[in-house]
Amino acid sequence: MGDTEYRNVRLTEDAYQRLNARKRGGESISDTIDRIAGERSLLDLAGVLTDAEAETMRDAIRE
């Protein structure tokens, strides 16, 4: 197994079930956590648009 280090993590049953539900075929729980932790959040987009650009988008969506 090389230089891989392992940690024990305690999860509530509910948290484990939600995590397990997000597993893809062939993924381990560690693989799933790596994938989810690497996903971008909508918060990463904060500040990308100017207020004027955001308002233009809102108007377009309303139409």
Protein backbone atom coordinates (compact mmCIF):
# COMPACT_ATOMS: atom_id res chain seq x y z
CA MET A 1 0.00 0.00 0.00
CA GLY A 2 3.00 2.29 -0.23
CA ASP A 3 3.22 5.53 1.72
CA THR A 4 -0.51 5.99 2.14
CA GLU A 5 -1.52 7.11 5.61
CA TYR A 6 -4.88 6.22 7.04
CA ARG A 7 -7.11 8.01 9.56
CA ASN A 8 -10.15 6.85 11.41
CA VAL A 9 -13.13 9.17 11.13
CA ARG A 10 -16.32 8.94 13.17
CA LEU A 11 -19.55 9.66 11.32
CA THR A 12 -23.12 9.63 12.47
CA GLU A 13 -25.20 6.93 10.82
CA ASP A 14 -27.10 9.63 8.94
CA ALA A 15 -23.87 11.19 7.61
CA TYR A 16 -22.57 7.78 6.60
CA GLN A 17 -25.80 6.92 4.76
CA ARG A 18 -25.76 10.24 2.87
CA LEU A 19 -22.10 9.71 1.94
CA ASN A 20 -22.73 6.11 0.93
CA ALA A 21 -25.64 7.24 -1.27
CA ARG A 22 -23.23 9.48 -3.22
CA LYS A 23 -20.79 6.64 -3.96
CA ARG A 24 -20.38 5.71 -7.59
CA GLY A 25 -19.78 2.19 -8.84
CA GLY A 26 -16.36 0.93 -7.80
CA GLU A 27 -15.65 3.86 -5.48
CA SER A 28 -14.50 3.43 -1.93
CA ILE A 29 -15.71 5.83 0.75
CA SER A 30 -12.28 7.53 0.52
CA ASP A 31 -12.69 7.91 -3.25
CA THR A 32 -16.13 9.43 -2.72
CA ILE A 33 -14.83 11.90 -0.14
CA ASP A 34 -11.96 12.89 -2.46
CA ARG A 35 -14.42 13.49 -5.30
CA ILE A 36 -16.90 15.45 -3.20
CA ALA A 37 -14.23 17.51 -1.46
CA GLY A 38 -12.82 18.47 -4.85
CA GLU A 39 -16.16 19.68 -6.20
CA ARG A 40 -16.53 23.39 -6.68
CA SER A 41 -18.99 25.29 -4.59
CA LEU A 42 -21.27 27.99 -5.93
CA LEU A 43 -19.56 30.21 -3.38
CA ASP A 44 -16.40 29.91 -5.51
CA LEU A 45 -18.22 32.05 -8.07
CA ALA A 46 -18.85 34.94 -5.66
CA GLY A 47 -17.43 38.13 -7.09
CA VAL A 48 -16.92 36.77 -10.61
CA LEU A 49 -19.52 39.13 -12.05
CA THR A 50 -19.81 42.85 -11.51
CA ASP A 51 -23.09 44.11 -10.07
CA ALA A 52 -24.06 45.38 -13.53
CA GLU A 53 -23.32 42.02 -15.14
CA ALA A 54 -25.31 40.22 -12.47
CA GLU A 55 -28.26 42.56 -12.97
CA THR A 56 -28.14 41.98 -16.74
CA MET A 57 -28.27 38.23 -16.11
CA ARG A 58 -31.17 38.60 -13.68
CA ASP A 59 -33.11 40.63 -16.28
CA ALA A 60 -32.44 37.99 -18.94
CA ILE A 61 -33.63 35.22 -16.62
CA ARG A 62 -36.81 37.14 -15.77
CA GLU A 63 -37.60 37.52 -19.50
